[in-house]
Amino acid sequence: LLSTALALHPDEFIVVEGHTDNQPLSSKGRRQ
């Protein structure tokens, strides 16, 4: 759905912003 809308508006710029919570990463997460 998102790509369909973006394809219809080729002049729009896109910023993808990632967020986490405030919890420390697990040992697996820290290794990766």
PDB file of all heavy atoms in Angstrom:
ATOM      1  N   LEU A   1       0.820  -1.211   0.000  1.00  0.00           N
ATOM      2  CA  LEU A   1       0.000   0.000   0.000  1.00  0.00           C
ATOM      3  C   LEU A   1       0.855   1.263   0.000  1.00  0.00           C
ATOM      4  O   LEU A   1       0.565   2.225  -0.726  1.00  0.00           O
ATOM      5  CB  LEU A   1      -0.938  -0.007   1.212  1.00  0.00           C
ATOM      6  CG  LEU A   1      -1.983  -1.122   1.236  1.00  0.00           C
ATOM      7  CD1 LEU A   1      -2.789  -1.071   2.534  1.00  0.00           C
ATOM      8  CD2 LEU A   1      -2.919  -1.024   0.041  1.00  0.00           C
ATOM      9  N   LEU A   2       1.897   1.263   0.801  1.00  0.00           N
ATOM     10  CA  LEU A   2       2.753   2.446   0.880  1.00  0.00           C
ATOM     11  C   LEU A   2       3.474   2.684  -0.444  1.00  0.00           C
ATOM     12  O   LEU A   2       3.536   3.825  -0.934  1.00  0.00           O
ATOM     13  CB  LEU A   2       3.755   2.279   2.010  1.00  0.00           C
ATOM     14  CG  LEU A   2       4.744   3.443   2.232  1.00  0.00           C
ATOM     15  CD1 LEU A   2       3.994   4.735   2.514  1.00  0.00           C
ATOM     16  CD2 LEU A   2       5.695   3.115   3.370  1.00  0.00           C
ATOM     17  N   SER A   3       4.015   1.641  -1.036  1.00  0.00           N
ATOM     18  CA  SER A   3       4.742   1.808  -2.294  1.00  0.00           C
ATOM     19  C   SER A   3       3.821   2.269  -3.422  1.00  0.00           C
ATOM     20  O   SER A   3       4.234   3.033  -4.300  1.00  0.00           O
ATOM     21  CB  SER A   3       5.433   0.494  -2.686  1.00  0.00           C
ATOM     22  OG  SER A   3       4.481  -0.530  -2.921  1.00  0.00           O
ATOM     23  N   THR A   4       2.567   1.823  -3.401  1.00  0.00           N
ATOM     24  CA  THR A   4       1.607   2.271  -4.420  1.00  0.00           C
ATOM     25  C   THR A   4       1.399   3.776  -4.338  1.00  0.00           C
ATOM     26  O   THR A   4       1.406   4.489  -5.354  1.00  0.00           O
ATOM     27  CB  THR A   4       0.265   1.542  -4.250  1.00  0.00           C
ATOM     28  OG1 THR A   4       0.473   0.125  -4.409  1.00  0.00           O
ATOM     29  CG2 THR A   4      -0.752   2.028  -5.273  1.00  0.00           C
ATOM     30  N   ALA A   5       1.218   4.280  -3.110  1.00  0.00           N
ATOM     31  CA  ALA A   5       1.032   5.721  -2.924  1.00  0.00           C
ATOM     32  C   ALA A   5       2.291   6.489  -3.306  1.00  0.00           C
ATOM     33  O   ALA A   5       2.225   7.541  -3.963  1.00  0.00           O
ATOM     34  CB  ALA A   5       0.642   6.012  -1.482  1.00  0.00           C
ATOM     35  N   LEU A   6       3.453   5.990  -2.928  1.00  0.00           N
ATOM     36  CA  LEU A   6       4.706   6.678  -3.239  1.00  0.00           C
ATOM     37  C   LEU A   6       4.955   6.717  -4.749  1.00  0.00           C
ATOM     38  O   LEU A   6       5.473   7.706  -5.273  1.00  0.00           O
ATOM     39  CB  LEU A   6       5.871   5.992  -2.536  1.00  0.00           C
ATOM     40  CG  LEU A   6       5.884   6.086  -1.011  1.00  0.00           C
ATOM     41  CD1 LEU A   6       7.017   5.246  -0.425  1.00  0.00           C
ATOM     42  CD2 LEU A   6       6.010   7.531  -0.548  1.00  0.00           C
ATOM     43  N   ALA A   7       4.586   5.654  -5.445  1.00  0.00           N
ATOM     44  CA  ALA A   7       4.771   5.625  -6.897  1.00  0.00           C
ATOM     45  C   ALA A   7       3.894   6.654  -7.607  1.00  0.00           C
ATOM     46  O   ALA A   7       4.260   7.182  -8.664  1.00  0.00           O
ATOM     47  CB  ALA A   7       4.476   4.227  -7.430  1.00  0.00           C
ATOM     48  N   LEU A   8       2.747   6.971  -7.018  1.00  0.00           N
ATOM     49  CA  LEU A   8       1.847   7.966  -7.599  1.00  0.00           C
ATOM     50  C   LEU A   8       2.329   9.397  -7.368  1.00  0.00           C
ATOM     51  O   LEU A   8       1.829  10.331  -7.992  1.00  0.00           O
ATOM     52  CB  LEU A   8       0.437   7.802  -7.013  1.00  0.00           C
ATOM     53  CG  LEU A   8      -0.304   6.529  -7.415  1.00  0.00           C
ATOM     54  CD1 LEU A   8      -1.601   6.402  -6.611  1.00  0.00           C
ATOM     55  CD2 LEU A   8      -0.592   6.514  -8.906  1.00  0.00           C
ATOM     56  N   HIS A   9       3.295   9.557  -6.457  1.00  0.00           N
ATOM     57  CA  HIS A   9       3.804  10.899  -6.119  1.00  0.00           C
ATOM     58  C   HIS A   9       5.330  10.875  -6.204  1.00  0.00           C
ATOM     59  O   HIS A   9       6.026  10.922  -5.184  1.00  0.00           O
ATOM     60  CB  HIS A   9       3.332  11.304  -4.728  1.00  0.00           C
ATOM     61  CG  HIS A   9       1.847  11.348  -4.589  1.00  0.00           C
ATOM     62  ND1 HIS A   9       1.086  12.443  -4.943  1.00  0.00           N
ATOM     63  CD2 HIS A   9       0.959  10.405  -4.156  1.00  0.00           C
ATOM     64  CE1 HIS A   9      -0.196  12.182  -4.730  1.00  0.00           C
ATOM     65  NE2 HIS A   9      -0.290  10.954  -4.255  1.00  0.00           N
ATOM     66  N   PRO A  10       5.878  10.821  -7.421  1.00  0.00           N
ATOM     67  CA  PRO A  10       7.327  10.629  -7.585  1.00  0.00           C
ATOM     68  C   PRO A  10       8.173  11.807  -7.121  1.00  0.00           C
ATOM     69  O   PRO A  10       9.390  11.664  -6.993  1.00  0.00           O
ATOM     70  CB  PRO A  10       7.476  10.397  -9.094  1.00  0.00           C
ATOM     71  CG  PRO A  10       6.282  11.063  -9.701  1.00  0.00           C
ATOM     72  CD  PRO A  10       5.169  10.870  -8.714  1.00  0.00           C
ATOM     73  N   ASP A  11       7.557  12.966  -6.867  1.00  0.00           N
ATOM     74  CA  ASP A  11       8.330  14.126  -6.423  1.00  0.00           C
ATOM     75  C   ASP A  11       8.497  14.179  -4.907  1.00  0.00           C
ATOM     76  O   ASP A  11       9.179  15.072  -4.388  1.00  0.00           O
ATOM     77  CB  ASP A  11       7.655  15.422  -6.887  1.00  0.00           C
ATOM     78  CG  ASP A  11       7.654  15.557  -8.398  1.00  0.00           C
ATOM     79  OD1 ASP A  11       8.595  15.022  -9.025  1.00  0.00           O
ATOM     80  OD2 ASP A  11       6.736  16.181  -8.946  1.00  0.00           O
ATOM     81  N   GLU A  12       7.882  13.254  -4.205  1.00  0.00           N
ATOM     82  CA  GLU A  12       7.972  13.255  -2.748  1.00  0.00           C
ATOM     83  C   GLU A  12       9.263  12.581  -2.278  1.00  0.00           C
ATOM     84  O   GLU A  12       9.678  11.551  -2.804  1.00  0.00           O
ATOM     85  CB  GLU A  12       6.772  12.529  -2.134  1.00  0.00           C
ATOM     86  CG  GLU A  12       5.419  13.118  -2.496  1.00  0.00           C
ATOM     87  CD  GLU A  12       5.141  14.427  -1.782  1.00  0.00           C
ATOM     88  OE1 GLU A  12       5.759  14.666  -0.727  1.00  0.00           O
ATOM     89  OE2 GLU A  12       4.309  15.211  -2.275  1.00  0.00           O
ATOM     90  N   PHE A  13       9.878  13.194  -1.284  1.00  0.00           N
ATOM     91  CA  PHE A  13      11.093  12.649  -0.671  1.00  0.00           C
ATOM     92  C   PHE A  13      10.693  11.845   0.557  1.00  0.00           C
ATOM     93  O   PHE A  13       9.665  12.105   1.183  1.00  0.00           O
ATOM     94  CB  PHE A  13      12.026  13.795  -0.292  1.00  0.00           C
ATOM     95  CG  PHE A  13      13.409  13.356   0.099  1.00  0.00           C
ATOM     96  CD1 PHE A  13      14.256  12.780  -0.833  1.00  0.00           C
ATOM     97  CD2 PHE A  13      13.864  13.528   1.394  1.00  0.00           C
ATOM     98  CE1 PHE A  13      15.538  12.388  -0.479  1.00  0.00           C
ATOM     99  CE2 PHE A  13      15.136  13.139   1.757  1.00  0.00           C
ATOM    100  CZ  PHE A  13      15.983  12.569   0.824  1.00  0.00           C
ATOM    101  N   ILE A  14      11.509  10.843   0.924  1.00  0.00           N
ATOM    102  CA  ILE A  14      11.140   9.906   1.982  1.00  0.00           C
ATOM    103  C   ILE A  14      12.280   9.795   2.989  1.00  0.00           C
ATOM    104  O   ILE A  14      13.419   9.471   2.607  1.00  0.00           O
ATOM    105  CB  ILE A  14      10.848   8.506   1.391  1.00  0.00           C
ATOM    106  CG1 ILE A  14       9.828   8.607   0.244  1.00  0.00           C
ATOM    107  CG2 ILE A  14      10.369   7.547   2.482  1.00  0.00           C
ATOM    108  CD1 ILE A  14       9.983   7.521  -0.794  1.00  0.00           C
ATOM    109  N   VAL A  15      11.992  10.048   4.249  1.00  0.00           N
ATOM    110  CA  VAL A  15      12.945   9.806   5.322  1.00  0.00           C
ATOM    111  C   VAL A  15      12.380   8.704   6.208  1.00  0.00           C
ATOM    112  O   VAL A  15      11.282   8.842   6.751  1.00  0.00           O
ATOM    113  CB  VAL A  15      13.203  11.069   6.167  1.00  0.00           C
ATOM    114  CG1 VAL A  15      14.061  10.733   7.394  1.00  0.00           C
ATOM    115  CG2 VAL A  15      13.892  12.140   5.338  1.00  0.00           C
ATOM    116  N   VAL A  16      13.112   7.596   6.329  1.00  0.00           N
ATOM    117  CA  VAL A  16      12.697   6.488   7.181  1.00  0.00           C
ATOM    118  C   VAL A  16      13.475   6.593   8.481  1.00  0.00           C
ATOM    119  O   VAL A  16      14.713   6.556   8.476  1.00  0.00           O
ATOM    120  CB  VAL A  16      12.953   5.133   6.502  1.00  0.00           C
ATOM    121  CG1 VAL A  16      12.430   4.000   7.385  1.00  0.00           C
ATOM    122  CG2 VAL A  16      12.293   5.080   5.131  1.00  0.00           C
ATOM    123  N   GLU A  17      12.756   6.733   9.581  1.00  0.00           N
ATOM    124  CA  GLU A  17      13.377   6.975  10.887  1.00  0.00           C
ATOM    125  C   GLU A  17      13.064   5.820  11.834  1.00  0.00           C
ATOM    126  O   GLU A  17      11.903   5.500  12.080  1.00  0.00           O
ATOM    127  CB  GLU A  17      12.861   8.288  11.470  1.00  0.00           C
ATOM    128  CG  GLU A  17      13.496   8.671  12.788  1.00  0.00           C
ATOM    129  CD  GLU A  17      13.052  10.044  13.274  1.00  0.00           C
ATOM    130  OE1 GLU A  17      12.154  10.635  12.638  1.00  0.00           O
ATOM    131  OE2 GLU A  17      13.598  10.513  14.287  1.00  0.00           O
ATOM    132  N   GLY A  18      14.118   5.187  12.356  1.00  0.00           N
ATOM    133  CA  GLY A  18      13.952   4.061  13.260  1.00  0.00           C
ATOM    134  C   GLY A  18      13.989   4.485  14.719  1.00  0.00           C
ATOM    135  O   GLY A  18      14.770   5.363  15.103  1.00  0.00           O
ATOM    136  N   HIS A  19      13.144   3.841  15.545  1.00  0.00           N
ATOM    137  CA  HIS A  19      13.067   4.141  16.983  1.00  0.00           C
ATOM    138  C   HIS A  19      13.020   2.836  17.783  1.00  0.00           C
ATOM    139  O   HIS A  19      12.442   1.835  17.339  1.00  0.00           O
ATOM    140  CB  HIS A  19      11.802   4.941  17.307  1.00  0.00           C
ATOM    141  CG  HIS A  19      11.728   6.275  16.627  1.00  0.00           C
ATOM    142  ND1 HIS A  19      12.204   7.436  17.204  1.00  0.00           N
ATOM    143  CD2 HIS A  19      11.233   6.632  15.408  1.00  0.00           C
ATOM    144  CE1 HIS A  19      11.993   8.451  16.379  1.00  0.00           C
ATOM    145  NE2 HIS A  19      11.413   7.989  15.278  1.00  0.00           N
ATOM    146  N   THR A  20      13.601   2.869  18.970  1.00  0.00           N
ATOM    147  CA  THR A  20      13.498   1.750  19.910  1.00  0.00           C
ATOM    148  C   THR A  20      12.876   2.254  21.208  1.00  0.00           C
ATOM    149  O   THR A  20      12.587   3.450  21.348  1.00  0.00           O
ATOM    150  CB  THR A  20      14.881   1.153  20.222  1.00  0.00           C
ATOM    151  OG1 THR A  20      15.667   2.146  20.918  1.00  0.00           O
ATOM    152  CG2 THR A  20      15.610   0.749  18.945  1.00  0.00           C
ATOM    153  N   ASP A  21      12.696   1.353  22.169  1.00  0.00           N
ATOM    154  CA  ASP A  21      12.292   1.785  23.498  1.00  0.00           C
ATOM    155  C   ASP A  21      13.549   2.087  24.322  1.00  0.00           C
ATOM    156  O   ASP A  21      14.659   2.152  23.775  1.00  0.00           O
ATOM    157  CB  ASP A  21      11.409   0.722  24.169  1.00  0.00           C
ATOM    158  CG  ASP A  21      12.103  -0.633  24.260  1.00  0.00           C
ATOM    159  OD1 ASP A  21      13.355  -0.656  24.378  1.00  0.00           O
ATOM    160  OD2 ASP A  21      11.416  -1.666  24.227  1.00  0.00           O
ATOM    161  N   ASN A  22      13.405   2.264  25.633  1.00  0.00           N
ATOM    162  CA  ASN A  22      14.544   2.642  26.465  1.00  0.00           C
ATOM    163  C   ASN A  22      15.209   1.455  27.156  1.00  0.00           C
ATOM    164  O   ASN A  22      16.086   1.629  28.009  1.00  0.00           O
ATOM    165  CB  ASN A  22      14.108   3.658  27.526  1.00  0.00           C
ATOM    166  CG  ASN A  22      13.194   3.049  28.580  1.00  0.00           C
ATOM    167  OD1 ASN A  22      12.582   1.992  28.359  1.00  0.00           O
ATOM    168  ND2 ASN A  22      13.092   3.701  29.733  1.00  0.00           N
ATOM    169  N   GLN A  23      14.797   0.240  26.801  1.00  0.00           N
ATOM    170  CA  GLN A  23      15.336  -0.938  27.464  1.00  0.00           C
ATOM    171  C   GLN A  23      16.714  -1.303  26.900  1.00  0.00           C
ATOM    172  O   GLN A  23      16.960  -1.149  25.695  1.00  0.00           O
ATOM    173  CB  GLN A  23      14.388  -2.113  27.289  1.00  0.00           C
ATOM    174  CG  GLN A  23      12.998  -1.879  27.890  1.00  0.00           C
ATOM    175  CD  GLN A  23      13.075  -1.660  29.386  1.00  0.00           C
ATOM    176  OE1 GLN A  23      13.403  -2.563  30.152  1.00  0.00           O
ATOM    177  NE2 GLN A  23      12.774  -0.448  29.832  1.00  0.00           N
ATOM    178  N   PRO A  24      17.626  -1.764  27.764  1.00  0.00           N
ATOM    179  CA  PRO A  24      18.924  -2.203  27.242  1.00  0.00           C
ATOM    180  C   PRO A  24      18.778  -3.410  26.327  1.00  0.00           C
ATOM    181  O   PRO A  24      17.864  -4.223  26.502  1.00  0.00           O
ATOM    182  CB  PRO A  24      19.728  -2.558  28.508  1.00  0.00           C
ATOM    183  CG  PRO A  24      18.734  -2.657  29.614  1.00  0.00           C
ATOM    184  CD  PRO A  24      17.511  -1.903  29.212  1.00  0.00           C
ATOM    185  N   LEU A  25      19.655  -3.515  25.362  1.00  0.00           N
ATOM    186  CA  LEU A  25      19.611  -4.641  24.439  1.00  0.00           C
ATOM    187  C   LEU A  25      19.993  -5.922  25.176  1.00  0.00           C
ATOM    188  O   LEU A  25      20.787  -5.901  26.132  1.00  0.00           O
ATOM    189  CB  LEU A  25      20.565  -4.424  23.275  1.00  0.00           C
ATOM    190  CG  LEU A  25      20.032  -3.658  22.056  1.00  0.00           C
ATOM    191  CD1 LEU A  25      19.602  -2.246  22.431  1.00  0.00           C
ATOM    192  CD2 LEU A  25      21.088  -3.594  20.955  1.00  0.00           C
ATOM    193  N   SER A  26      19.430  -7.024  24.719  1.00  0.00           N
ATOM    194  CA  SER A  26      19.817  -8.324  25.265  1.00  0.00           C
ATOM    195  C   SER A  26      21.249  -8.640  24.831  1.00  0.00           C
ATOM    196  O   SER A  26      21.841  -7.942  24.001  1.00  0.00           O
ATOM    197  CB  SER A  26      18.869  -9.401  24.757  1.00  0.00           C
ATOM    198  OG  SER A  26      19.053  -9.593  23.362  1.00  0.00           O
ATOM    199  N   SER A  27      21.802  -9.696  25.388  1.00  0.00           N
ATOM    200  CA  SER A  27      23.161 -10.095  24.993  1.00  0.00           C
ATOM    201  C   SER A  27      23.221 -10.387  23.496  1.00  0.00           C
ATOM    202  O   SER A  27      24.184 -10.032  22.810  1.00  0.00           O
ATOM    203  CB  SER A  27      23.616 -11.302  25.804  1.00  0.00           C
ATOM    204  OG  SER A  27      22.706 -12.390  25.625  1.00  0.00           O
ATOM    205  N   LYS A  28      22.161 -11.016  22.959  1.00  0.00           N
ATOM    206  CA  LYS A  28      22.085 -11.268  21.523  1.00  0.00           C
ATOM    207  C   LYS A  28      22.068  -9.958  20.752  1.00  0.00           C
ATOM    208  O   LYS A  28      22.775  -9.798  19.744  1.00  0.00           O
ATOM    209  CB  LYS A  28      20.842 -12.085  21.201  1.00  0.00           C
ATOM    210  CG  LYS A  28      20.600 -12.294  19.711  1.00  0.00           C
ATOM    211  CD  LYS A  28      19.280 -13.006  19.448  1.00  0.00           C
ATOM    212  CE  LYS A  28      19.005 -13.130  17.959  1.00  0.00           C
ATOM    213  NZ  LYS A  28      17.706 -13.792  17.685  1.00  0.00           N
ATOM    214  N   GLY A  29      21.258  -9.014  21.230  1.00  0.00           N
ATOM    215  CA  GLY A  29      21.169  -7.729  20.550  1.00  0.00           C
ATOM    216  C   GLY A  29      22.471  -6.961  20.578  1.00  0.00           C
ATOM    217  O   GLY A  29      22.860  -6.340  19.581  1.00  0.00           O
ATOM    218  N   ARG A  30      23.184  -7.016  21.701  1.00  0.00           N
ATOM    219  CA  ARG A  30      24.464  -6.312  21.796  1.00  0.00           C
ATOM    220  C   ARG A  30      25.505  -6.920  20.860  1.00  0.00           C
ATOM    221  O   ARG A  30      26.310  -6.195  20.271  1.00  0.00           O
ATOM    222  CB  ARG A  30      24.963  -6.326  23.236  1.00  0.00           C
ATOM    223  CG  ARG A  30      24.169  -5.418  24.172  1.00  0.00           C
ATOM    224  CD  ARG A  30      24.908  -5.197  25.482  1.00  0.00           C
ATOM    225  NE  ARG A  30      25.156  -6.453  26.195  1.00  0.00           N
ATOM    226  CZ  ARG A  30      24.298  -7.024  27.041  1.00  0.00           C
ATOM    227  NH1 ARG A  30      23.123  -6.444  27.262  1.00  0.00           N
ATOM    228  NH2 ARG A  30      24.598  -8.161  27.650  1.00  0.00           N
ATOM    229  N   ARG A  31      25.488  -8.248  20.740  1.00  0.00           N
ATOM    230  CA  ARG A  31      26.445  -8.886  19.836  1.00  0.00           C
ATOM    231  C   ARG A  31      26.192  -8.473  18.385  1.00  0.00           C
ATOM    232  O   ARG A  31      27.131  -8.267  17.610  1.00  0.00           O
ATOM    233  CB  ARG A  31      26.361 -10.407  19.969  1.00  0.00           C
ATOM    234  CG  ARG A  31      26.987 -10.968  21.238  1.00  0.00           C
ATOM    235  CD  ARG A  31      27.196 -12.477  21.130  1.00  0.00           C
ATOM    236  NE  ARG A  31      25.949 -13.191  20.845  1.00  0.00           N
ATOM    237  CZ  ARG A  31      25.114 -13.651  21.785  1.00  0.00           C
ATOM    238  NH1 ARG A  31      25.395 -13.446  23.069  1.00  0.00           N
ATOM    239  NH2 ARG A  31      24.017 -14.307  21.454  1.00  0.00           N
ATOM    240  N   GLN A  32      24.920  -8.340  18.020  1.00  0.00           N
ATOM    241  CA  GLN A  32      24.587  -8.024  16.635  1.00  0.00           C
ATOM    242  C   GLN A  32      24.687  -6.541  16.315  1.00  0.00           C
ATOM    243  O   GLN A  32      25.158  -6.155  15.233  1.00  0.00           O
ATOM    244  CB  GLN A  32      23.168  -8.517  16.313  1.00  0.00           C
ATOM    245  CG  GLN A  32      23.032 -10.020  16.196  1.00  0.00           C
ATOM    246  CD  GLN A  32      21.618 -10.406  15.800  1.00  0.00           C
ATOM    247  OE1 GLN A  32      20.825 -10.838  16.633  1.00  0.00           O
ATOM    248  NE2 GLN A  32      21.302 -10.246  14.526  1.00  0.00           N
TER     249      GLN A  32
END
